[in-house]
Amino acid sequence: MPATAAETLLCSPEWCRAIAETASGRNLVDVMHADGSDRRRLPGDVNAIGVDVGLLDRFELLTGVEGESLRLLAYDLPTGRTIVLAGDVGVVTTRGGLVWWSTGNPEPTDWHVLDLHQLA
């Protein structure tokens, strides 16, 4: 998979994610098929979650800031739409088809889990 020197690239068998940081510190996140086709820039200033790319060959999980709150987002790869999974999250992690996140400030007090198969 070709990438520029400024990009960090991670791939699964089906999808790749390229992340480049701008001079202002903003992340630019692109997703594409593993063969390099259908490269798309994800909207907004977002951060990718975890090392798994294209969970269930369908979702790219992200966090994004709205106001002073961190939101958990799922970018639907086939449709190109972004789904807000949760607002005001703290710690977020994912593996396989599951995503976990905490809520509560300043320390995590509640944990939540979502099976992404429910969205697929």
PDB file of N, CA and C in Angstrom:
ATOM      1  N   MET A   1       0.849  -1.173   0.000  1.00  0.00           N
ATOM      2  CA  MET A   1       0.000   0.000   0.000  1.00  0.00           C
ATOM      3  C   MET A   1       0.894   1.235   0.000  1.00  0.00           C
ATOM      4  N   PRO A   2       0.777   2.084  -0.985  1.00  0.00           N
ATOM      5  CA  PRO A   2       1.598   3.299  -1.009  1.00  0.00           C
ATOM      6  C   PRO A   2       1.115   4.317   0.029  1.00  0.00           C
ATOM      7  N   ALA A   3       2.057   4.974   0.665  1.00  0.00           N
ATOM      8  CA  ALA A   3       1.761   6.036   1.634  1.00  0.00           C
ATOM      9  C   ALA A   3       2.886   7.064   1.564  1.00  0.00           C
ATOM     10  N   THR A   4       2.569   8.280   1.953  1.00  0.00           N
ATOM     11  CA  THR A   4       3.605   9.312   1.995  1.00  0.00           C
ATOM     12  C   THR A   4       4.414   9.154   3.277  1.00  0.00           C
ATOM     13  N   ALA A   5       5.547   9.817   3.339  1.00  0.00           N
ATOM     14  CA  ALA A   5       6.401   9.756   4.522  1.00  0.00           C
ATOM     15  C   ALA A   5       5.711  10.371   5.742  1.00  0.00           C
ATOM     16  N   ALA A   6       4.730  11.242   5.521  1.00  0.00           N
ATOM     17  CA  ALA A   6       4.033  11.909   6.628  1.00  0.00           C
ATOM     18  C   ALA A   6       2.870  11.086   7.171  1.00  0.00           C
ATOM     19  N   GLU A   7       2.555   9.945   6.553  1.00  0.00           N
ATOM     20  CA  GLU A   7       1.401   9.155   6.954  1.00  0.00           C
ATOM     21  C   GLU A   7       1.800   7.931   7.770  1.00  0.00           C
ATOM     22  N   THR A   8       0.949   7.613   8.740  1.00  0.00           N
ATOM     23  CA  THR A   8       1.029   6.343   9.450  1.00  0.00           C
ATOM     24  C   THR A   8      -0.039   5.451   8.849  1.00  0.00           C
ATOM     25  N   LEU A   9       0.339   4.256   8.438  1.00  0.00           N
ATOM     26  CA  LEU A   9      -0.572   3.375   7.716  1.00  0.00           C
ATOM     27  C   LEU A   9      -0.768   2.078   8.488  1.00  0.00           C
ATOM     28  N   LEU A  10      -2.027   1.682   8.656  1.00  0.00           N
ATOM     29  CA  LEU A  10      -2.402   0.396   9.246  1.00  0.00           C
ATOM     30  C   LEU A  10      -3.393  -0.271   8.304  1.00  0.00           C
ATOM     31  N   CYS A  11      -3.280  -1.597   8.171  1.00  0.00           N
ATOM     32  CA  CYS A  11      -4.186  -2.314   7.270  1.00  0.00           C
ATOM     33  C   CYS A  11      -4.704  -3.595   7.899  1.00  0.00           C
ATOM     34  N   SER A  12      -5.916  -3.950   7.507  1.00  0.00           N
ATOM     35  CA  SER A  12      -6.486  -5.264   7.738  1.00  0.00           C
ATOM     36  C   SER A  12      -6.530  -5.925   6.361  1.00  0.00           C
ATOM     37  N   PRO A  13      -6.984  -7.157   6.256  1.00  0.00           N
ATOM     38  CA  PRO A  13      -7.044  -7.760   4.923  1.00  0.00           C
ATOM     39  C   PRO A  13      -7.922  -6.989   3.930  1.00  0.00           C
ATOM     40  N   GLU A  14      -8.928  -6.274   4.405  1.00  0.00           N
ATOM     41  CA  GLU A  14      -9.859  -5.582   3.516  1.00  0.00           C
ATOM     42  C   GLU A  14      -9.669  -4.067   3.459  1.00  0.00           C
ATOM     43  N   TRP A  15      -9.254  -3.435   4.567  1.00  0.00           N
ATOM     44  CA  TRP A  15      -9.235  -1.976   4.667  1.00  0.00           C
ATOM     45  C   TRP A  15      -7.896  -1.471   5.187  1.00  0.00           C
ATOM     46  N   CYS A  16      -7.566  -0.233   4.800  1.00  0.00           N
ATOM     47  CA  CYS A  16      -6.383   0.460   5.321  1.00  0.00           C
ATOM     48  C   CYS A  16      -6.791   1.833   5.835  1.00  0.00           C
ATOM     49  N   ARG A  17      -6.032   2.309   6.818  1.00  0.00           N
ATOM     50  CA  ARG A  17      -6.230   3.640   7.391  1.00  0.00           C
ATOM     51  C   ARG A  17      -4.892   4.369   7.319  1.00  0.00           C
ATOM     52  N   ALA A  18      -4.926   5.590   6.782  1.00  0.00           N
ATOM     53  CA  ALA A  18      -3.741   6.447   6.734  1.00  0.00           C
ATOM     54  C   ALA A  18      -4.031   7.674   7.586  1.00  0.00           C
ATOM     55  N   ILE A  19      -3.100   7.990   8.495  1.00  0.00           N
ATOM     56  CA  ILE A  19      -3.263   9.160   9.366  1.00  0.00           C
ATOM     57  C   ILE A  19      -2.072  10.073   9.161  1.00  0.00           C
ATOM     58  N   ALA A  20      -2.366  11.342   8.928  1.00  0.00           N
ATOM     59  CA  ALA A  20      -1.325  12.359   8.806  1.00  0.00           C
ATOM     60  C   ALA A  20      -1.704  13.520   9.717  1.00  0.00           C
ATOM     61  N   GLU A  21      -0.716  14.073  10.398  1.00  0.00           N
ATOM     62  CA  GLU A  21      -0.964  15.217  11.272  1.00  0.00           C
ATOM     63  C   GLU A  21      -0.551  16.489  10.549  1.00  0.00           C
ATOM     64  N   THR A  22      -1.424  17.496  10.582  1.00  0.00           N
ATOM     65  CA  THR A  22      -1.112  18.774   9.951  1.00  0.00           C
ATOM     66  C   THR A  22      -0.216  19.592  10.875  1.00  0.00           C
ATOM     67  N   ALA A  23       0.325  20.690  10.359  1.00  0.00           N
ATOM     68  CA  ALA A  23       1.183  21.569  11.155  1.00  0.00           C
ATOM     69  C   ALA A  23       0.434  22.136  12.355  1.00  0.00           C
ATOM     70  N   SER A  24      -0.883  22.279  12.242  1.00  0.00           N
ATOM     71  CA  SER A  24      -1.684  22.813  13.351  1.00  0.00           C
ATOM     72  C   SER A  24      -2.057  21.744  14.379  1.00  0.00           C
ATOM     73  N   GLY A  25      -1.655  20.478  14.126  1.00  0.00           N
ATOM     74  CA  GLY A  25      -1.947  19.408  15.063  1.00  0.00           C
ATOM     75  C   GLY A  25      -3.226  18.647  14.775  1.00  0.00           C
ATOM     76  N   ARG A  26      -3.910  19.013  13.709  1.00  0.00           N
ATOM     77  CA  ARG A  26      -5.147  18.326  13.328  1.00  0.00           C
ATOM     78  C   ARG A  26      -4.810  17.014  12.624  1.00  0.00           C
ATOM     79  N   ASN A  27      -5.584  15.981  12.913  1.00  0.00           N
ATOM     80  CA  ASN A  27      -5.392  14.694  12.239  1.00  0.00           C
ATOM     81  C   ASN A  27      -6.212  14.633  10.967  1.00  0.00           C
ATOM     82  N   LEU A  28      -5.599  14.149   9.909  1.00  0.00           N
ATOM     83  CA  LEU A  28      -6.304  13.848   8.672  1.00  0.00           C
ATOM     84  C   LEU A  28      -6.331  12.332   8.559  1.00  0.00           C
ATOM     85  N   VAL A  29      -7.533  11.760   8.521  1.00  0.00           N
ATOM     86  CA  VAL A  29      -7.688  10.311   8.490  1.00  0.00           C
ATOM     87  C   VAL A  29      -8.332   9.915   7.171  1.00  0.00           C
ATOM     88  N   ASP A  30      -7.645   9.046   6.434  1.00  0.00           N
ATOM     89  CA  ASP A  30      -8.168   8.498   5.191  1.00  0.00           C
ATOM     90  C   ASP A  30      -8.381   7.001   5.372  1.00  0.00           C
ATOM     91  N   VAL A  31      -9.409   6.477   4.726  1.00  0.00           N
ATOM     92  CA  VAL A  31      -9.621   5.029   4.653  1.00  0.00           C
ATOM     93  C   VAL A  31      -9.689   4.636   3.189  1.00  0.00           C
ATOM     94  N   MET A  32      -9.289   3.394   2.912  1.00  0.00           N
ATOM     95  CA  MET A  32      -9.312   2.888   1.545  1.00  0.00           C
ATOM     96  C   MET A  32      -9.312   1.368   1.600  1.00  0.00           C
ATOM     97  N   HIS A  33      -9.672   0.749   0.480  1.00  0.00           N
ATOM     98  CA  HIS A  33      -9.556  -0.700   0.389  1.00  0.00           C
ATOM     99  C   HIS A  33      -8.073  -1.071   0.428  1.00  0.00           C
ATOM    100  N   ALA A  34      -7.783  -2.294   0.819  1.00  0.00           N
ATOM    101  CA  ALA A  34      -6.393  -2.737   0.957  1.00  0.00           C
ATOM    102  C   ALA A  34      -5.616  -2.674  -0.355  1.00  0.00           C
ATOM    103  N   ASP A  35      -6.326  -2.664  -1.489  1.00  0.00           N
ATOM    104  CA  ASP A  35      -5.642  -2.531  -2.781  1.00  0.00           C
ATOM    105  C   ASP A  35      -5.405  -1.064  -3.159  1.00  0.00           C
ATOM    106  N   GLY A  36      -5.789  -0.135  -2.262  1.00  0.00           N
ATOM    107  CA  GLY A  36      -5.579   1.292  -2.494  1.00  0.00           C
ATOM    108  C   GLY A  36      -6.738   1.997  -3.166  1.00  0.00           C
ATOM    109  N   SER A  37      -7.765   1.271  -3.567  1.00  0.00           N
ATOM    110  CA  SER A  37      -8.898   1.893  -4.251  1.00  0.00           C
ATOM    111  C   SER A  37      -9.867   2.527  -3.259  1.00  0.00           C
ATOM    112  N   ASP A  38     -10.686   3.426  -3.759  1.00  0.00           N
ATOM    113  CA  ASP A  38     -11.755   4.077  -2.992  1.00  0.00           C
ATOM    114  C   ASP A  38     -11.226   4.814  -1.767  1.00  0.00           C
ATOM    115  N   ARG A  39     -10.121   5.554  -1.945  1.00  0.00           N
ATOM    116  CA  ARG A  39      -9.551   6.328  -0.827  1.00  0.00           C
ATOM    117  C   ARG A  39     -10.462   7.501  -0.511  1.00  0.00           C
ATOM    118  N   ARG A  40     -10.789   7.650   0.788  1.00  0.00           N
ATOM    119  CA  ARG A  40     -11.686   8.725   1.242  1.00  0.00           C
ATOM    120  C   ARG A  40     -11.135   9.393   2.489  1.00  0.00           C
ATOM    121  N   ARG A  41     -11.309  10.699   2.584  1.00  0.00           N
ATOM    122  CA  ARG A  41     -10.955  11.459   3.780  1.00  0.00           C
ATOM    123  C   ARG A  41     -12.157  11.454   4.710  1.00  0.00           C
ATOM    124  N   LEU A  42     -11.951  11.060   5.975  1.00  0.00           N
ATOM    125  CA  LEU A  42     -13.037  11.074   6.945  1.00  0.00           C
ATOM    126  C   LEU A  42     -13.294  12.497   7.397  1.00  0.00           C
ATOM    127  N   PRO A  43     -14.568  12.843   7.585  1.00  0.00           N
ATOM    128  CA  PRO A  43     -14.901  14.231   7.918  1.00  0.00           C
ATOM    129  C   PRO A  43     -14.532  14.586   9.349  1.00  0.00           C
ATOM    130  N   GLY A  44     -14.124  15.842   9.531  1.00  0.00           N
ATOM    131  CA  GLY A  44     -13.874  16.376  10.862  1.00  0.00           C
ATOM    132  C   GLY A  44     -12.480  16.091  11.372  1.00  0.00           C
ATOM    133  N   ASP A  45     -12.212  16.614  12.557  1.00  0.00           N
ATOM    134  CA  ASP A  45     -10.952  16.395  13.251  1.00  0.00           C
ATOM    135  C   ASP A  45     -11.174  15.206  14.172  1.00  0.00           C
ATOM    136  N   VAL A  46     -10.782  14.030  13.721  1.00  0.00           N
ATOM    137  CA  VAL A  46     -11.087  12.798  14.431  1.00  0.00           C
ATOM    138  C   VAL A  46      -9.807  12.029  14.736  1.00  0.00           C
ATOM    139  N   ASN A  47      -9.919  11.110  15.675  1.00  0.00           N
ATOM    140  CA  ASN A  47      -8.832  10.203  16.022  1.00  0.00           C
ATOM    141  C   ASN A  47      -9.327   8.778  15.880  1.00  0.00           C
ATOM    142  N   ALA A  48      -8.512   7.929  15.295  1.00  0.00           N
ATOM    143  CA  ALA A  48      -8.864   6.517  15.150  1.00  0.00           C
ATOM    144  C   ALA A  48      -8.684   5.810  16.484  1.00  0.00           C
ATOM    145  N   ILE A  49      -9.514   4.792  16.701  1.00  0.00           N
ATOM    146  CA  ILE A  49      -9.457   4.004  17.927  1.00  0.00           C
ATOM    147  C   ILE A  49      -8.876   2.638  17.600  1.00  0.00           C
ATOM    148  N   GLY A  50      -7.841   2.263  18.306  1.00  0.00           N
ATOM    149  CA  GLY A  50      -7.298   0.918  18.189  1.00  0.00           C
ATOM    150  C   GLY A  50      -6.550   0.663  16.899  1.00  0.00           C
ATOM    151  N   VAL A  51      -6.052  -0.547  16.798  1.00  0.00           N
ATOM    152  CA  VAL A  51      -5.267  -0.928  15.627  1.00  0.00           C
ATOM    153  C   VAL A  51      -6.100  -1.659  14.584  1.00  0.00           C
ATOM    154  N   ASP A  52      -7.282  -2.141  14.966  1.00  0.00           N
ATOM    155  CA  ASP A  52      -8.136  -2.834  14.005  1.00  0.00           C
ATOM    156  C   ASP A  52      -8.744  -1.825  13.038  1.00  0.00           C
ATOM    157  N   VAL A  53      -8.565  -2.078  11.763  1.00  0.00           N
ATOM    158  CA  VAL A  53      -9.072  -1.182  10.720  1.00  0.00           C
ATOM    159  C   VAL A  53     -10.287  -1.829  10.070  1.00  0.00           C
ATOM    160  N   GLY A  54     -11.357  -1.063   9.903  1.00  0.00           N
ATOM    161  CA  GLY A  54     -12.541  -1.576   9.216  1.00  0.00           C
ATOM    162  C   GLY A  54     -13.173  -2.747   9.944  1.00  0.00           C
ATOM    163  N   LEU A  55     -13.554  -2.524  11.205  1.00  0.00           N
ATOM    164  CA  LEU A  55     -14.154  -3.591  12.001  1.00  0.00           C
ATOM    165  C   LEU A  55     -15.355  -4.193  11.293  1.00  0.00           C
ATOM    166  N   LEU A  56     -15.426  -5.502  11.298  1.00  0.00           N
ATOM    167  CA  LEU A  56     -16.493  -6.264  10.646  1.00  0.00           C
ATOM    168  C   LEU A  56     -16.575  -5.940   9.154  1.00  0.00           C
ATOM    169  N   ASP A  57     -15.466  -5.441   8.583  1.00  0.00           N
ATOM    170  CA  ASP A  57     -15.421  -4.969   7.195  1.00  0.00           C
ATOM    171  C   ASP A  57     -16.481  -3.909   6.942  1.00  0.00           C
ATOM    172  N   ARG A  58     -16.819  -3.142   7.979  1.00  0.00           N
ATOM    173  CA  ARG A  58     -17.902  -2.177   7.852  1.00  0.00           C
ATOM    174  C   ARG A  58     -17.639  -0.856   8.558  1.00  0.00           C
ATOM    175  N   PHE A  59     -17.054  -0.868   9.762  1.00  0.00           N
ATOM    176  CA  PHE A  59     -16.969   0.350  10.574  1.00  0.00           C
ATOM    177  C   PHE A  59     -15.534   0.748  10.880  1.00  0.00           C
ATOM    178  N   GLU A  60     -15.288   2.038  10.824  1.00  0.00           N
ATOM    179  CA  GLU A  60     -14.048   2.623  11.319  1.00  0.00           C
ATOM    180  C   GLU A  60     -14.438   3.414  12.568  1.00  0.00           C
ATOM    181  N   LEU A  61     -13.898   3.023  13.729  1.00  0.00           N
ATOM    182  CA  LEU A  61     -14.258   3.675  14.992  1.00  0.00           C
ATOM    183  C   LEU A  61     -13.332   4.847  15.264  1.00  0.00           C
ATOM    184  N   LEU A  62     -13.944   5.948  15.715  1.00  0.00           N
ATOM    185  CA  LEU A  62     -13.244   7.214  15.882  1.00  0.00           C
ATOM    186  C   LEU A  62     -13.720   7.920  17.132  1.00  0.00           C
ATOM    187  N   THR A  63     -12.941   8.883  17.591  1.00  0.00           N
ATOM    188  CA  THR A  63     -13.421   9.852  18.563  1.00  0.00           C
ATOM    189  C   THR A  63     -13.303  11.228  17.922  1.00  0.00           C
ATOM    190  N   GLY A  64     -14.202  12.101  18.319  1.00  0.00           N
ATOM    191  CA  GLY A  64     -14.194  13.475  17.838  1.00  0.00           C
ATOM    192  C   GLY A  64     -14.699  14.393  18.934  1.00  0.00           C
ATOM    193  N   VAL A  65     -14.210  15.597  18.945  1.00  0.00           N
ATOM    194  CA  VAL A  65     -14.592  16.571  19.972  1.00  0.00           C
ATOM    195  C   VAL A  65     -15.747  17.415  19.463  1.00  0.00           C
ATOM    196  N   GLU A  66     -16.741  17.583  20.324  1.00  0.00           N
ATOM    197  CA  GLU A  66     -17.829  18.528  20.061  1.00  0.00           C
ATOM    198  C   GLU A  66     -17.963  19.389  21.305  1.00  0.00           C
ATOM    199  N   GLY A  67     -17.654  20.680  21.149  1.00  0.00           N
ATOM    200  CA  GLY A  67     -17.616  21.563  22.318  1.00  0.00           C
ATOM    201  C   GLY A  67     -16.488  21.110  23.232  1.00  0.00           C
ATOM    202  N   GLU A  68     -16.839  20.759  24.460  1.00  0.00           N
ATOM    203  CA  GLU A  68     -15.841  20.245  25.402  1.00  0.00           C
ATOM    204  C   GLU A  68     -16.050  18.766  25.685  1.00  0.00           C
ATOM    205  N   SER A  69     -16.814  18.098  24.839  1.00  0.00           N
ATOM    206  CA  SER A  69     -17.162  16.699  25.044  1.00  0.00           C
ATOM    207  C   SER A  69     -16.532  15.830  23.959  1.00  0.00           C
ATOM    208  N   LEU A  70     -16.051  14.666  24.366  1.00  0.00           N
ATOM    209  CA  LEU A  70     -15.503  13.699  23.423  1.00  0.00           C
ATOM    210  C   LEU A  70     -16.608  12.729  23.031  1.00  0.00           C
ATOM    211  N   ARG A  71     -16.797  12.551  21.725  1.00  0.00           N
ATOM    212  CA  ARG A  71     -17.844  11.655  21.222  1.00  0.00           C
ATOM    213  C   ARG A  71     -17.219  10.419  20.600  1.00  0.00           C
ATOM    214  N   LEU A  72     -17.906   9.291  20.739  1.00  0.00           N
ATOM    215  CA  LEU A  72     -17.535   8.042  20.106  1.00  0.00           C
ATOM    216  C   LEU A  72     -18.324   7.925  18.814  1.00  0.00           C
ATOM    217  N   LEU A  73     -17.614   7.732  17.695  1.00  0.00           N
ATOM    218  CA  LEU A  73     -18.226   7.726  16.371  1.00  0.00           C
ATOM    219  C   LEU A  73     -17.911   6.433  15.638  1.00  0.00           C
ATOM    220  N   ALA A  74     -18.826   6.016  14.778  1.00  0.00           N
ATOM    221  CA  ALA A  74     -18.585   4.895  13.871  1.00  0.00           C
ATOM    222  C   ALA A  74     -18.807   5.411  12.456  1.00  0.00           C
ATOM    223  N   TYR A  75     -17.768   5.351  11.644  1.00  0.00           N
ATOM    224  CA  TYR A  75     -17.889   5.715  10.236  1.00  0.00           C
ATOM    225  C   TYR A  75     -18.272   4.449   9.487  1.00  0.00           C
ATOM    226  N   ASP A  76     -19.435   4.472   8.834  1.00  0.00           N
ATOM    227  CA  ASP A  76     -19.952   3.326   8.089  1.00  0.00           C
ATOM    228  C   ASP A  76     -19.272   3.326   6.719  1.00  0.00           C
ATOM    229  N   LEU A  77     -18.362   2.402   6.510  1.00  0.00           N
ATOM    230  CA  LEU A  77     -17.569   2.377   5.285  1.00  0.00           C
ATOM    231  C   LEU A  77     -18.402   2.234   4.014  1.00  0.00           C
ATOM    232  N   PRO A  78     -19.408   1.351   3.954  1.00  0.00           N
ATOM    233  CA  PRO A  78     -20.185   1.236   2.712  1.00  0.00           C
ATOM    234  C   PRO A  78     -21.013   2.480   2.382  1.00  0.00           C
ATOM    235  N   THR A  79     -21.580   3.131   3.388  1.00  0.00           N
ATOM    236  CA  THR A  79     -22.486   4.253   3.109  1.00  0.00           C
ATOM    237  C   THR A  79     -21.824   5.617   3.216  1.00  0.00           C
ATOM    238  N   GLY A  80     -20.685   5.704   3.915  1.00  0.00           N
ATOM    239  CA  GLY A  80     -20.017   6.989   4.105  1.00  0.00           C
ATOM    240  C   GLY A  80     -20.652   7.871   5.159  1.00  0.00           C
ATOM    241  N   ARG A  81     -21.574   7.336   5.942  1.00  0.00           N
ATOM    242  CA  ARG A  81     -22.189   8.167   6.984  1.00  0.00           C
ATOM    243  C   ARG A  81     -21.510   7.912   8.322  1.00  0.00           C
ATOM    244  N   THR A  82     -21.556   8.922   9.174  1.00  0.00           N
ATOM    245  CA  THR A  82     -20.977   8.836  10.510  1.00  0.00           C
ATOM    246  C   THR A  82     -22.101   8.705  11.521  1.00  0.00           C
ATOM    247  N   ILE A  83     -21.983   7.716  12.403  1.00  0.00           N
ATOM    248  CA  ILE A  83     -22.982   7.439  13.427  1.00  0.00           C
ATOM    249  C   ILE A  83     -22.389   7.813  14.782  1.00  0.00           C
ATOM    250  N   VAL A  84     -23.106   8.602  15.577  1.00  0.00           N
ATOM    251  CA  VAL A  84     -22.676   8.918  16.934  1.00  0.00           C
ATOM    252  C   VAL A  84     -23.122   7.770  17.835  1.00  0.00           C
ATOM    253  N   LEU A  85     -22.155   7.060  18.417  1.00  0.00           N
ATOM    254  CA  LEU A  85     -22.468   5.941  19.301  1.00  0.00           C
ATOM    255  C   LEU A  85     -22.674   6.392  20.740  1.00  0.00           C
ATOM    256  N   ALA A  86     -21.913   7.403  21.169  1.00  0.00           N
ATOM    257  CA  ALA A  86     -22.033   7.901  22.549  1.00  0.00           C
ATOM    258  C   ALA A  86     -21.388   9.268  22.648  1.00  0.00           C
ATOM    259  N   GLY A  87     -21.892  10.058  23.564  1.00  0.00           N
ATOM    260  CA  GLY A  87     -21.318  11.369  23.837  1.00  0.00           C
ATOM    261  C   GLY A  87     -20.697  11.382  25.221  1.00  0.00           C
ATOM    262  N   ASP A  88     -19.831  12.353  25.455  1.00  0.00           N
ATOM    263  CA  ASP A  88     -19.208  12.552  26.758  1.00  0.00           C
ATOM    264  C   ASP A  88     -18.494  11.290  27.236  1.00  0.00           C
ATOM    265  N   VAL A  89     -17.651  10.718  26.362  1.00  0.00           N
ATOM    266  CA  VAL A  89     -16.918   9.503  26.700  1.00  0.00           C
ATOM    267  C   VAL A  89     -15.544   9.853  27.252  1.00  0.00           C
ATOM    268  N   GLY A  90     -14.963   8.894  27.931  1.00  0.00           N
ATOM    269  CA  GLY A  90     -13.615   9.044  28.472  1.00  0.00           C
ATOM    270  C   GLY A  90     -12.676   8.101  27.745  1.00  0.00           C
ATOM    271  N   VAL A  91     -12.377   6.974  28.364  1.00  0.00           N
ATOM    272  CA  VAL A  91     -11.514   5.958  27.779  1.00  0.00           C
ATOM    273  C   VAL A  91     -12.325   5.137  26.777  1.00  0.00           C
ATOM    274  N   VAL A  92     -11.748   4.870  25.611  1.00  0.00           N
ATOM    275  CA  VAL A  92     -12.414   4.080  24.576  1.00  0.00           C
ATOM    276  C   VAL A  92     -11.422   3.036  24.063  1.00  0.00           C
ATOM    277  N   THR A  93     -11.919   1.819  23.880  1.00  0.00           N
ATOM    278  CA  THR A  93     -11.087   0.769  23.304  1.00  0.00           C
ATOM    279  C   THR A  93     -11.965  -0.177  22.490  1.00  0.00           C
ATOM    280  N   THR A  94     -11.351  -0.898  21.601  1.00  0.00           N
ATOM    281  CA  THR A  94     -12.101  -1.829  20.762  1.00  0.00           C
ATOM    282  C   THR A  94     -11.242  -3.030  20.426  1.00  0.00           C
ATOM    283  N   ARG A  95     -11.909  -4.114  20.166  1.00  0.00           N
ATOM    284  CA  ARG A  95     -11.247  -5.324  19.674  1.00  0.00           C
ATOM    285  C   ARG A  95     -12.307  -6.177  19.015  1.00  0.00           C
ATOM    286  N   GLY A  96     -11.979  -6.677  17.831  1.00  0.00           N
ATOM    287  CA  GLY A  96     -12.942  -7.492  17.112  1.00  0.00           C
ATOM    288  C   GLY A  96     -14.191  -6.681  16.817  1.00  0.00           C
ATOM    289  N   GLY A  97     -15.322  -7.189  17.151  1.00  0.00           N
ATOM    290  CA  GLY A  97     -16.579  -6.497  16.898  1.00  0.00           C
ATOM    291  C   GLY A  97     -17.162  -5.804  18.112  1.00  0.00           C
ATOM    292  N   LEU A  98     -16.341  -5.598  19.161  1.00  0.00           N
ATOM    293  CA  LEU A  98     -16.830  -4.958  20.375  1.00  0.00           C
ATOM    294  C   LEU A  98     -16.124  -3.631  20.603  1.00  0.00           C
ATOM    295  N   VAL A  99     -16.856  -2.678  21.188  1.00  0.00           N
ATOM    296  CA  VAL A  99     -16.267  -1.407  21.589  1.00  0.00           C
ATOM    297  C   VAL A  99     -16.706  -1.117  23.025  1.00  0.00           C
ATOM    298  N   TRP A 100     -15.747  -0.686  23.854  1.00  0.00           N
ATOM    299  CA  TRP A 100     -16.007  -0.331  25.244  1.00  0.00           C
ATOM    300  C   TRP A 100     -15.663   1.128  25.440  1.00  0.00           C
ATOM    301  N   TRP A 101     -16.423   1.809  26.304  1.00  0.00           N
ATOM    302  CA  TRP A 101     -16.101   3.188  26.640  1.00  0.00           C
ATOM    303  C   TRP A 101     -16.547   3.487  28.061  1.00  0.00           C
ATOM    304  N   SER A 102     -15.873   4.467  28.647  1.00  0.00           N
ATOM    305  CA  SER A 102     -16.207   4.897  30.001  1.00  0.00           C
ATOM    306  C   SER A 102     -16.891   6.253  29.943  1.00  0.00           C
ATOM    307  N   THR A 103     -17.667   6.521  30.961  1.00  0.00           N
ATOM    308  CA  THR A 103     -18.248   7.844  31.172  1.00  0.00           C
ATOM    309  C   THR A 103     -17.958   8.230  32.615  1.00  0.00           C
ATOM    310  N   GLY A 104     -18.073   9.505  32.903  1.00  0.00           N
ATOM    311  CA  GLY A 104     -17.789   9.997  34.252  1.00  0.00           C
ATOM    312  C   GLY A 104     -16.569  10.879  34.248  1.00  0.00           C
ATOM    313  N   ASN A 105     -16.640  11.963  34.967  1.00  0.00           N
ATOM    314  CA  ASN A 105     -15.530  12.915  35.035  1.00  0.00           C
ATOM    315  C   ASN A 105     -15.210  13.202  36.484  1.00  0.00           C
ATOM    316  N   PRO A 106     -13.982  13.362  36.864  1.00  0.00           N
ATOM    317  CA  PRO A 106     -12.807  13.210  36.001  1.00  0.00           C
ATOM    318  C   PRO A 106     -12.366  11.760  35.872  1.00  0.00           C
ATOM    319  N   GLU A 107     -12.799  10.881  36.751  1.00  0.00           N
ATOM    320  CA  GLU A 107     -12.423   9.472  36.688  1.00  0.00           C
ATOM    321  C   GLU A 107     -13.545   8.661  36.049  1.00  0.00           C
ATOM    322  N   PRO A 108     -13.206   7.607  35.288  1.00  0.00           N
ATOM    323  CA  PRO A 108     -14.257   6.750  34.736  1.00  0.00           C
ATOM    324  C   PRO A 108     -15.067   6.096  35.860  1.00  0.00           C
ATOM    325  N   THR A 109     -16.370   6.263  35.799  1.00  0.00           N
ATOM    326  CA  THR A 109     -17.230   5.668  36.823  1.00  0.00           C
ATOM    327  C   THR A 109     -18.132   4.587  36.256  1.00  0.00           C
ATOM    328  N   ASP A 110     -18.490   4.674  34.997  1.00  0.00           N
ATOM    329  CA  ASP A 110     -19.355   3.689  34.368  1.00  0.00           C
ATOM    330  C   ASP A 110     -18.711   3.206  33.077  1.00  0.00           C
ATOM    331  N   TRP A 111     -18.847   1.903  32.816  1.00  0.00           N
ATOM    332  CA  TRP A 111     -18.341   1.318  31.586  1.00  0.00           C
ATOM    333  C   TRP A 111     -19.498   0.787  30.770  1.00  0.00           C
ATOM    334  N   HIS A 112     -19.362   0.905  29.456  1.00  0.00           N
ATOM    335  CA  HIS A 112     -20.404   0.481  28.523  1.00  0.00           C
ATOM    336  C   HIS A 112     -19.741  -0.365  27.440  1.00  0.00           C
ATOM    337  N   VAL A 113     -20.510  -1.273  26.840  1.00  0.00           N
ATOM    338  CA  VAL A 113     -20.003  -2.089  25.745  1.00  0.00           C
ATOM    339  C   VAL A 113     -21.062  -2.205  24.673  1.00  0.00           C
ATOM    340  N   LEU A 114     -20.642  -2.201  23.428  1.00  0.00           N
ATOM    341  CA  LEU A 114     -21.553  -2.361  22.297  1.00  0.00           C
ATOM    342  C   LEU A 114     -20.981  -3.410  21.365  1.00  0.00           C
ATOM    343  N   ASP A 115     -21.818  -4.362  20.986  1.00  0.00           N
ATOM    344  CA  ASP A 115     -21.464  -5.346  19.983  1.00  0.00           C
ATOM    345  C   ASP A 115     -21.827  -4.742  18.628  1.00  0.00           C
ATOM    346  N   LEU A 116     -20.842  -4.441  17.801  1.00  0.00           N
ATOM    347  CA  LEU A 116     -21.074  -3.789  16.524  1.00  0.00           C
ATOM    348  C   LEU A 116     -21.867  -4.648  15.555  1.00  0.00           C
ATOM    349  N   HIS A 117     -21.957  -5.943  15.820  1.00  0.00           N
ATOM    350  CA  HIS A 117     -22.823  -6.800  14.999  1.00  0.00           C
ATOM    351  C   HIS A 117     -24.262  -6.303  15.036  1.00  0.00           C
ATOM    352  N   GLN A 118     -24.659  -5.637  16.128  1.00  0.00           N
ATOM    353  CA  GLN A 118     -26.012  -5.111  16.254  1.00  0.00           C
ATOM    354  C   GLN A 118     -26.282  -3.984  15.265  1.00  0.00           C
ATOM    355  N   LEU A 119     -25.233  -3.297  14.829  1.00  0.00           N
ATOM    356  CA  LEU A 119     -25.386  -2.190  13.885  1.00  0.00           C
ATOM    357  C   LEU A 119     -25.263  -2.666  12.436  1.00  0.00           C
ATOM    358  N   ALA A 120     -24.590  -3.794  12.237  1.00  0.00           N
ATOM    359  CA  ALA A 120     -24.284  -4.256  10.884  1.00  0.00           C
ATOM    360  C   ALA A 120     -25.507  -4.762  10.143  1.00  0.00           C
TER     361      ALA A 120
END
